[in-house]
Amino acid sequence: MFDEAPRNPEIRYGTNSQSDTVKEYVHCLNSTLCTTERSLCYLLENYQTPEYINVPEPLRKYIPGAPGLLPFSKELPTNNTSMGRGNPKA
């Protein structure tokens, strides 16, 4: 299931000779089946409020303490350079 990425370049393990009949591929845990960035964006777009993130019920078991709400802990900085203003020192 998690060996789609190593099949094309033939990344295998445990093969010592050409007489081995079973190919054992390594398993990659690099999100080849699900893009984690897009999944995180989906959660933020659909479950974010101005005060907290409402954690969907199926995902709560993966967070320590299984919280239903994740409050924001910091205010957004006012001198944020990612807002398109560029580098102020340049």
PDB file of N, CA and C in Angstrom:
ATOM      1  N   MET A   1       0.814  -1.190   0.000  1.00  0.00           N
ATOM      2  CA  MET A   1       0.000   0.000   0.000  1.00  0.00           C
ATOM      3  C   MET A   1       0.861   1.258   0.000  1.00  0.00           C
ATOM      4  N   PHE A   2       1.950   1.260   0.778  1.00  0.00           N
ATOM      5  CA  PHE A   2       2.798   2.435   0.846  1.00  0.00           C
ATOM      6  C   PHE A   2       4.071   2.258   0.028  1.00  0.00           C
ATOM      7  N   ASP A   3       4.040   1.428  -0.974  1.00  0.00           N
ATOM      8  CA  ASP A   3       5.259   1.197  -1.738  1.00  0.00           C
ATOM      9  C   ASP A   3       5.137   1.635  -3.192  1.00  0.00           C
ATOM     10  N   GLU A   4       4.227   2.557  -3.499  1.00  0.00           N
ATOM     11  CA  GLU A   4       4.105   3.030  -4.873  1.00  0.00           C
ATOM     12  C   GLU A   4       5.327   3.828  -5.304  1.00  0.00           C
ATOM     13  N   ALA A   5       5.844   4.681  -4.410  1.00  0.00           N
ATOM     14  CA  ALA A   5       6.985   5.528  -4.759  1.00  0.00           C
ATOM     15  C   ALA A   5       8.253   4.733  -5.048  1.00  0.00           C
ATOM     16  N   PRO A   6       8.589   3.682  -4.304  1.00  0.00           N
ATOM     17  CA  PRO A   6       9.838   2.969  -4.592  1.00  0.00           C
ATOM     18  C   PRO A   6       9.735   1.947  -5.720  1.00  0.00           C
ATOM     19  N   ARG A   7       8.562   1.668  -6.243  1.00  0.00           N
ATOM     20  CA  ARG A   7       8.444   0.658  -7.303  1.00  0.00           C
ATOM     21  C   ARG A   7       9.085   1.113  -8.610  1.00  0.00           C
ATOM     22  N   ASN A   8       8.866   2.348  -9.011  1.00  0.00           N
ATOM     23  CA  ASN A   8       9.405   2.818 -10.280  1.00  0.00           C
ATOM     24  C   ASN A   8      10.934   2.812 -10.292  1.00  0.00           C
ATOM     25  N   PRO A   9      11.611   3.356  -9.282  1.00  0.00           N
ATOM     26  CA  PRO A   9      13.079   3.293  -9.286  1.00  0.00           C
ATOM     27  C   PRO A   9      13.637   1.972  -8.756  1.00  0.00           C
ATOM     28  N   GLU A  10      12.757   1.002  -8.452  1.00  0.00           N
ATOM     29  CA  GLU A  10      13.172  -0.328  -7.972  1.00  0.00           C
ATOM     30  C   GLU A  10      13.979  -0.244  -6.675  1.00  0.00           C
ATOM     31  N   ILE A  11      13.480   0.512  -5.705  1.00  0.00           N
ATOM     32  CA  ILE A  11      14.151   0.618  -4.406  1.00  0.00           C
ATOM     33  C   ILE A  11      13.682  -0.553  -3.556  1.00  0.00           C
ATOM     34  N   ARG A  12      14.574  -1.524  -3.372  1.00  0.00           N
ATOM     35  CA  ARG A  12      14.210  -2.746  -2.653  1.00  0.00           C
ATOM     36  C   ARG A  12      15.158  -2.996  -1.498  1.00  0.00           C
ATOM     37  N   TYR A  13      14.765  -3.938  -0.654  1.00  0.00           N
ATOM     38  CA  TYR A  13      15.620  -4.363   0.449  1.00  0.00           C
ATOM     39  C   TYR A  13      15.560  -5.876   0.552  1.00  0.00           C
ATOM     40  N   GLY A  14      16.580  -6.460   1.133  1.00  0.00           N
ATOM     41  CA  GLY A  14      16.592  -7.896   1.384  1.00  0.00           C
ATOM     42  C   GLY A  14      16.867  -8.761   0.175  1.00  0.00           C
ATOM     43  N   THR A  15      17.233  -8.195  -0.946  1.00  0.00           N
ATOM     44  CA  THR A  15      17.547  -9.000  -2.123  1.00  0.00           C
ATOM     45  C   THR A  15      19.061  -9.118  -2.232  1.00  0.00           C
ATOM     46  N   ASN A  16      19.552 -10.331  -2.001  1.00  0.00           N
ATOM     47  CA  ASN A  16      20.994 -10.558  -2.028  1.00  0.00           C
ATOM     48  C   ASN A  16      21.469 -11.148  -3.340  1.00  0.00           C
ATOM     49  N   SER A  17      20.585 -11.752  -4.062  1.00  0.00           N
ATOM     50  CA  SER A  17      21.007 -12.360  -5.324  1.00  0.00           C
ATOM     51  C   SER A  17      19.898 -12.210  -6.348  1.00  0.00           C
ATOM     52  N   GLN A  18      20.236 -12.528  -7.586  1.00  0.00           N
ATOM     53  CA  GLN A  18      19.244 -12.441  -8.646  1.00  0.00           C
ATOM     54  C   GLN A  18      18.283 -13.618  -8.620  1.00  0.00           C
ATOM     55  N   SER A  19      18.561 -14.611  -7.779  1.00  0.00           N
ATOM     56  CA  SER A  19      17.679 -15.774  -7.720  1.00  0.00           C
ATOM     57  C   SER A  19      16.460 -15.544  -6.827  1.00  0.00           C
ATOM     58  N   ASP A  20      16.414 -14.413  -6.126  1.00  0.00           N
ATOM     59  CA  ASP A  20      15.245 -14.118  -5.294  1.00  0.00           C
ATOM     60  C   ASP A  20      14.029 -13.907  -6.191  1.00  0.00           C
ATOM     61  N   THR A  21      12.961 -14.593  -5.880  1.00  0.00           N
ATOM     62  CA  THR A  21      11.762 -14.505  -6.713  1.00  0.00           C
ATOM     63  C   THR A  21      10.782 -13.446  -6.223  1.00  0.00           C
ATOM     64  N   VAL A  22      10.839 -13.109  -4.945  1.00  0.00           N
ATOM     65  CA  VAL A  22       9.916 -12.120  -4.395  1.00  0.00           C
ATOM     66  C   VAL A  22      10.644 -10.796  -4.225  1.00  0.00           C
ATOM     67  N   LYS A  23      10.096  -9.754  -4.806  1.00  0.00           N
ATOM     68  CA  LYS A  23      10.683  -8.427  -4.662  1.00  0.00           C
ATOM     69  C   LYS A  23      10.075  -7.763  -3.437  1.00  0.00           C
ATOM     70  N   GLU A  24      10.926  -7.382  -2.489  1.00  0.00           N
ATOM     71  CA  GLU A  24      10.482  -6.683  -1.288  1.00  0.00           C
ATOM     72  C   GLU A  24      10.844  -5.210  -1.444  1.00  0.00           C
ATOM     73  N   TYR A  25       9.845  -4.366  -1.584  1.00  0.00           N
ATOM     74  CA  TYR A  25      10.079  -2.934  -1.742  1.00  0.00           C
ATOM     75  C   TYR A  25      10.059  -2.239  -0.388  1.00  0.00           C
ATOM     76  N   VAL A  26      10.829  -1.159  -0.286  1.00  0.00           N
ATOM     77  CA  VAL A  26      10.799  -0.360   0.933  1.00  0.00           C
ATOM     78  C   VAL A  26       9.461   0.365   0.996  1.00  0.00           C
ATOM     79  N   HIS A  27       9.083   0.790   2.173  1.00  0.00           N
ATOM     80  CA  HIS A  27       7.837   1.533   2.346  1.00  0.00           C
ATOM     81  C   HIS A  27       8.170   2.980   2.672  1.00  0.00           C
ATOM     82  N   CYS A  28       7.615   3.891   1.905  1.00  0.00           N
ATOM     83  CA  CYS A  28       7.886   5.315   2.086  1.00  0.00           C
ATOM     84  C   CYS A  28       6.777   5.960   2.908  1.00  0.00           C
ATOM     85  N   LEU A  29       7.167   6.713   3.895  1.00  0.00           N
ATOM     86  CA  LEU A  29       6.202   7.440   4.710  1.00  0.00           C
ATOM     87  C   LEU A  29       6.281   8.929   4.409  1.00  0.00           C
ATOM     88  N   ASN A  30       6.363   9.261   3.144  1.00  0.00           N
ATOM     89  CA  ASN A  30       6.510  10.657   2.748  1.00  0.00           C
ATOM     90  C   ASN A  30       5.236  11.210   2.126  1.00  0.00           C
ATOM     91  N   SER A  31       4.102  10.711   2.560  1.00  0.00           N
ATOM     92  CA  SER A  31       2.806  11.218   2.117  1.00  0.00           C
ATOM     93  C   SER A  31       2.593  11.040   0.622  1.00  0.00           C
ATOM     94  N   THR A  32       2.958   9.911   0.093  1.00  0.00           N
ATOM     95  CA  THR A  32       2.759   9.690  -1.332  1.00  0.00           C
ATOM     96  C   THR A  32       1.296   9.467  -1.671  1.00  0.00           C
ATOM     97  N   LEU A  33       0.478   9.076  -0.706  1.00  0.00           N
ATOM     98  CA  LEU A  33      -0.937   8.853  -0.981  1.00  0.00           C
ATOM     99  C   LEU A  33      -1.797  10.060  -0.650  1.00  0.00           C
ATOM    100  N   CYS A  34      -1.288  10.965   0.141  1.00  0.00           N
ATOM    101  CA  CYS A  34      -2.082  12.112   0.584  1.00  0.00           C
ATOM    102  C   CYS A  34      -1.148  13.300   0.759  1.00  0.00           C
ATOM    103  N   THR A  35      -1.442  14.384   0.113  1.00  0.00           N
ATOM    104  CA  THR A  35      -0.594  15.557   0.278  1.00  0.00           C
ATOM    105  C   THR A  35      -0.928  16.221   1.603  1.00  0.00           C
ATOM    106  N   THR A  36       0.006  16.188   2.516  1.00  0.00           N
ATOM    107  CA  THR A  36      -0.260  16.705   3.860  1.00  0.00           C
ATOM    108  C   THR A  36      -0.494  18.210   3.856  1.00  0.00           C
ATOM    109  N   GLU A  37       0.182  18.939   2.984  1.00  0.00           N
ATOM    110  CA  GLU A  37      -0.010  20.381   2.945  1.00  0.00           C
ATOM    111  C   GLU A  37      -1.437  20.721   2.548  1.00  0.00           C
ATOM    112  N   ARG A  38      -1.951  20.046   1.530  1.00  0.00           N
ATOM    113  CA  ARG A  38      -3.316  20.318   1.083  1.00  0.00           C
ATOM    114  C   ARG A  38      -4.330  19.879   2.129  1.00  0.00           C
ATOM    115  N   SER A  39      -4.046  18.787   2.822  1.00  0.00           N
ATOM    116  CA  SER A  39      -4.950  18.329   3.879  1.00  0.00           C
ATOM    117  C   SER A  39      -5.003  19.331   5.017  1.00  0.00           C
ATOM    118  N   LEU A  40      -3.853  19.897   5.378  1.00  0.00           N
ATOM    119  CA  LEU A  40      -3.822  20.903   6.431  1.00  0.00           C
ATOM    120  C   LEU A  40      -4.569  22.160   5.995  1.00  0.00           C
ATOM    121  N   CYS A  41      -4.399  22.561   4.746  1.00  0.00           N
ATOM    122  CA  CYS A  41      -5.129  23.726   4.235  1.00  0.00           C
ATOM    123  C   CYS A  41      -6.632  23.486   4.290  1.00  0.00           C
ATOM    124  N   TYR A  42      -7.064  22.289   3.940  1.00  0.00           N
ATOM    125  CA  TYR A  42      -8.486  21.959   3.997  1.00  0.00           C
ATOM    126  C   TYR A  42      -9.020  22.117   5.417  1.00  0.00           C
ATOM    127  N   LEU A  43      -8.285  21.595   6.399  1.00  0.00           N
ATOM    128  CA  LEU A  43      -8.728  21.698   7.791  1.00  0.00           C
ATOM    129  C   LEU A  43      -8.822  23.154   8.231  1.00  0.00           C
ATOM    130  N   LEU A  44      -7.837  23.959   7.870  1.00  0.00           N
ATOM    131  CA  LEU A  44      -7.864  25.362   8.267  1.00  0.00           C
ATOM    132  C   LEU A  44      -8.975  26.128   7.560  1.00  0.00           C
ATOM    133  N   GLU A  45      -9.193  25.850   6.280  1.00  0.00           N
ATOM    134  CA  GLU A  45     -10.237  26.548   5.538  1.00  0.00           C
ATOM    135  C   GLU A  45     -11.633  26.226   6.059  1.00  0.00           C
ATOM    136  N   ASN A  46     -11.824  25.026   6.560  1.00  0.00           N
ATOM    137  CA  ASN A  46     -13.161  24.596   6.940  1.00  0.00           C
ATOM    138  C   ASN A  46     -13.432  24.587   8.436  1.00  0.00           C
ATOM    139  N   TYR A  47     -12.405  24.579   9.271  1.00  0.00           N
ATOM    140  CA  TYR A  47     -12.616  24.444  10.712  1.00  0.00           C
ATOM    141  C   TYR A  47     -11.997  25.568  11.535  1.00  0.00           C
ATOM    142  N   GLN A  48     -11.438  26.583  10.897  1.00  0.00           N
ATOM    143  CA  GLN A  48     -10.805  27.675  11.623  1.00  0.00           C
ATOM    144  C   GLN A  48     -11.824  28.771  11.925  1.00  0.00           C
ATOM    145  N   THR A  49     -11.757  29.305  13.134  1.00  0.00           N
ATOM    146  CA  THR A  49     -12.533  30.478  13.527  1.00  0.00           C
ATOM    147  C   THR A  49     -11.525  31.549  13.946  1.00  0.00           C
ATOM    148  N   PRO A  50     -11.955  32.760  14.241  1.00  0.00           N
ATOM    149  CA  PRO A  50     -10.988  33.784  14.679  1.00  0.00           C
ATOM    150  C   PRO A  50     -10.283  33.449  15.996  1.00  0.00           C
ATOM    151  N   GLU A  51     -10.871  32.585  16.817  1.00  0.00           N
ATOM    152  CA  GLU A  51     -10.295  32.287  18.125  1.00  0.00           C
ATOM    153  C   GLU A  51      -9.611  30.929  18.217  1.00  0.00           C
ATOM    154  N   TYR A  52     -10.025  29.955  17.425  1.00  0.00           N
ATOM    155  CA  TYR A  52      -9.527  28.595  17.583  1.00  0.00           C
ATOM    156  C   TYR A  52      -9.747  27.778  16.311  1.00  0.00           C
ATOM    157  N   ILE A  53      -9.207  26.561  16.333  1.00  0.00           N
ATOM    158  CA  ILE A  53      -9.479  25.572  15.285  1.00  0.00           C
ATOM    159  C   ILE A  53     -10.347  24.494  15.910  1.00  0.00           C
ATOM    160  N   ASN A  54     -11.482  24.230  15.306  1.00  0.00           N
ATOM    161  CA  ASN A  54     -12.379  23.180  15.767  1.00  0.00           C
ATOM    162  C   ASN A  54     -11.888  21.859  15.167  1.00  0.00           C
ATOM    163  N   VAL A  55     -11.377  20.976  15.995  1.00  0.00           N
ATOM    164  CA  VAL A  55     -10.797  19.719  15.518  1.00  0.00           C
ATOM    165  C   VAL A  55     -11.925  18.741  15.189  1.00  0.00           C
ATOM    166  N   PRO A  56     -11.963  18.208  13.961  1.00  0.00           N
ATOM    167  CA  PRO A  56     -12.996  17.228  13.619  1.00  0.00           C
ATOM    168  C   PRO A  56     -12.900  15.988  14.510  1.00  0.00           C
ATOM    169  N   GLU A  57     -14.033  15.413  14.821  1.00  0.00           N
ATOM    170  CA  GLU A  57     -14.109  14.273  15.738  1.00  0.00           C
ATOM    171  C   GLU A  57     -13.161  13.130  15.358  1.00  0.00           C
ATOM    172  N   PRO A  58     -13.076  12.707  14.081  1.00  0.00           N
ATOM    173  CA  PRO A  58     -12.181  11.577  13.751  1.00  0.00           C
ATOM    174  C   PRO A  58     -10.699  11.862  13.981  1.00  0.00           C
ATOM    175  N   LEU A  59     -10.296  13.125  14.031  1.00  0.00           N
ATOM    176  CA  LEU A  59      -8.879  13.464  14.205  1.00  0.00           C
ATOM    177  C   LEU A  59      -8.485  13.699  15.653  1.00  0.00           C
ATOM    178  N   ARG A  60      -9.437  13.806  16.547  1.00  0.00           N
ATOM    179  CA  ARG A  60      -9.139  14.140  17.943  1.00  0.00           C
ATOM    180  C   ARG A  60      -8.292  13.084  18.629  1.00  0.00           C
ATOM    181  N   LYS A  61      -8.448  11.837  18.254  1.00  0.00           N
ATOM    182  CA  LYS A  61      -7.686  10.772  18.917  1.00  0.00           C
ATOM    183  C   LYS A  61      -6.188  10.855  18.614  1.00  0.00           C
ATOM    184  N   TYR A  62      -5.801  11.598  17.583  1.00  0.00           N
ATOM    185  CA  TYR A  62      -4.390  11.721  17.229  1.00  0.00           C
ATOM    186  C   TYR A  62      -3.703  12.896  17.923  1.00  0.00           C
ATOM    187  N   ILE A  63      -4.451  13.699  18.663  1.00  0.00           N
ATOM    188  CA  ILE A  63      -3.899  14.850  19.371  1.00  0.00           C
ATOM    189  C   ILE A  63      -3.866  14.521  20.854  1.00  0.00           C
ATOM    190  N   PRO A  64      -2.740  14.730  21.531  1.00  0.00           N
ATOM    191  CA  PRO A  64      -2.673  14.423  22.966  1.00  0.00           C
ATOM    192  C   PRO A  64      -3.769  15.143  23.753  1.00  0.00           C
ATOM    193  N   GLY A  65      -4.520  14.388  24.525  1.00  0.00           N
ATOM    194  CA  GLY A  65      -5.615  14.940  25.304  1.00  0.00           C
ATOM    195  C   GLY A  65      -6.928  14.983  24.551  1.00  0.00           C
ATOM    196  N   ALA A  66      -6.916  14.683  23.264  1.00  0.00           N
ATOM    197  CA  ALA A  66      -8.103  14.663  22.399  1.00  0.00           C
ATOM    198  C   ALA A  66      -8.958  15.921  22.537  1.00  0.00           C
ATOM    199  N   PRO A  67      -8.360  17.125  22.362  1.00  0.00           N
ATOM    200  CA  PRO A  67      -9.161  18.342  22.509  1.00  0.00           C
ATOM    201  C   PRO A  67     -10.097  18.554  21.327  1.00  0.00           C
ATOM    202  N   GLY A  68     -11.222  19.177  21.592  1.00  0.00           N
ATOM    203  CA  GLY A  68     -12.156  19.521  20.527  1.00  0.00           C
ATOM    204  C   GLY A  68     -11.822  20.851  19.891  1.00  0.00           C
ATOM    205  N   LEU A  69     -11.158  21.720  20.668  1.00  0.00           N
ATOM    206  CA  LEU A  69     -10.786  23.043  20.185  1.00  0.00           C
ATOM    207  C   LEU A  69      -9.305  23.275  20.436  1.00  0.00           C
ATOM    208  N   LEU A  70      -8.635  23.864  19.461  1.00  0.00           N
ATOM    209  CA  LEU A  70      -7.236  24.262  19.621  1.00  0.00           C
ATOM    210  C   LEU A  70      -7.182  25.784  19.561  1.00  0.00           C
ATOM    211  N   PRO A  71      -7.060  26.453  20.699  1.00  0.00           N
ATOM    212  CA  PRO A  71      -7.027  27.921  20.677  1.00  0.00           C
ATOM    213  C   PRO A  71      -5.695  28.428  20.130  1.00  0.00           C
ATOM    214  N   PHE A  72      -5.756  29.587  19.501  1.00  0.00           N
ATOM    215  CA  PHE A  72      -4.529  30.221  19.041  1.00  0.00           C
ATOM    216  C   PHE A  72      -3.789  30.767  20.248  1.00  0.00           C
ATOM    217  N   SER A  73      -2.474  30.624  20.266  1.00  0.00           N
ATOM    218  CA  SER A  73      -1.701  31.029  21.434  1.00  0.00           C
ATOM    219  C   SER A  73      -0.998  32.365  21.250  1.00  0.00           C
ATOM    220  N   LYS A  74      -0.877  32.846  20.016  1.00  0.00           N
ATOM    221  CA  LYS A  74      -0.177  34.104  19.772  1.00  0.00           C
ATOM    222  C   LYS A  74      -0.983  34.961  18.809  1.00  0.00           C
ATOM    223  N   GLU A  75      -0.796  36.256  18.932  1.00  0.00           N
ATOM    224  CA  GLU A  75      -1.376  37.187  17.977  1.00  0.00           C
ATOM    225  C   GLU A  75      -0.502  37.216  16.725  1.00  0.00           C
ATOM    226  N   LEU A  76      -1.092  37.512  15.598  1.00  0.00           N
ATOM    227  CA  LEU A  76      -0.341  37.648  14.359  1.00  0.00           C
ATOM    228  C   LEU A  76       0.571  38.865  14.459  1.00  0.00           C
ATOM    229  N   PRO A  77       1.865  38.718  14.149  1.00  0.00           N
ATOM    230  CA  PRO A  77       2.774  39.865  14.238  1.00  0.00           C
ATOM    231  C   PRO A  77       2.377  40.959  13.249  1.00  0.00           C
ATOM    232  N   THR A  78       2.548  42.196  13.653  1.00  0.00           N
ATOM    233  CA  THR A  78       2.178  43.311  12.775  1.00  0.00           C
ATOM    234  C   THR A  78       3.237  43.576  11.716  1.00  0.00           C
ATOM    235  N   ASN A  79       4.471  43.154  11.941  1.00  0.00           N
ATOM    236  CA  ASN A  79       5.540  43.369  10.966  1.00  0.00           C
ATOM    237  C   ASN A  79       5.786  42.106  10.154  1.00  0.00           C
ATOM    238  N   ASN A  80       4.729  41.479   9.701  1.00  0.00           N
ATOM    239  CA  ASN A  80       4.817  40.233   8.953  1.00  0.00           C
ATOM    240  C   ASN A  80       5.266  40.527   7.523  1.00  0.00           C
ATOM    241  N   THR A  81       6.422  40.011   7.121  1.00  0.00           N
ATOM    242  CA  THR A  81       6.938  40.264   5.775  1.00  0.00           C
ATOM    243  C   THR A  81       6.292  39.373   4.728  1.00  0.00           C
ATOM    244  N   SER A  82       5.515  38.379   5.141  1.00  0.00           N
ATOM    245  CA  SER A  82       4.877  37.500   4.162  1.00  0.00           C
ATOM    246  C   SER A  82       3.612  38.118   3.584  1.00  0.00           C
ATOM    247  N   MET A  83       3.266  39.331   3.981  1.00  0.00           N
ATOM    248  CA  MET A  83       2.059  39.984   3.489  1.00  0.00           C
ATOM    249  C   MET A  83       2.312  40.734   2.186  1.00  0.00           C
ATOM    250  N   GLY A  84       3.451  40.513   1.546  1.00  0.00           N
ATOM    251  CA  GLY A  84       3.714  41.105   0.248  1.00  0.00           C
ATOM    252  C   GLY A  84       4.486  42.414   0.301  1.00  0.00           C
ATOM    253  N   ARG A  85       4.935  42.829   1.461  1.00  0.00           N
ATOM    254  CA  ARG A  85       5.688  44.077   1.563  1.00  0.00           C
ATOM    255  C   ARG A  85       7.160  43.875   1.272  1.00  0.00           C
ATOM    256  N   GLY A  86       7.607  42.628   1.227  1.00  0.00           N
ATOM    257  CA  GLY A  86       9.003  42.366   0.950  1.00  0.00           C
ATOM    258  C   GLY A  86       9.874  42.542   2.171  1.00  0.00           C
ATOM    259  N   ASN A  87      11.170  42.561   1.948  1.00  0.00           N
ATOM    260  CA  ASN A  87      12.135  42.689   3.033  1.00  0.00           C
ATOM    261  C   ASN A  87      12.316  44.164   3.371  1.00  0.00           C
ATOM    262  N   PRO A  88      12.005  44.599   4.618  1.00  0.00           N
ATOM    263  CA  PRO A  88      12.139  46.019   4.947  1.00  0.00           C
ATOM    264  C   PRO A  88      13.582  46.505   4.992  1.00  0.00           C
ATOM    265  N   LYS A  89      14.560  45.615   5.101  1.00  0.00           N
ATOM    266  CA  LYS A  89      15.970  46.013   5.170  1.00  0.00           C
ATOM    267  C   LYS A  89      16.600  46.146   3.793  1.00  0.00           C
ATOM    268  N   ALA A  90      15.911  45.716   2.763  1.00  0.00           N
ATOM    269  CA  ALA A  90      16.493  45.739   1.418  1.00  0.00           C
ATOM    270  C   ALA A  90      16.442  47.116   0.813  1.00  0.00           C
TER     271      ALA A  90
END
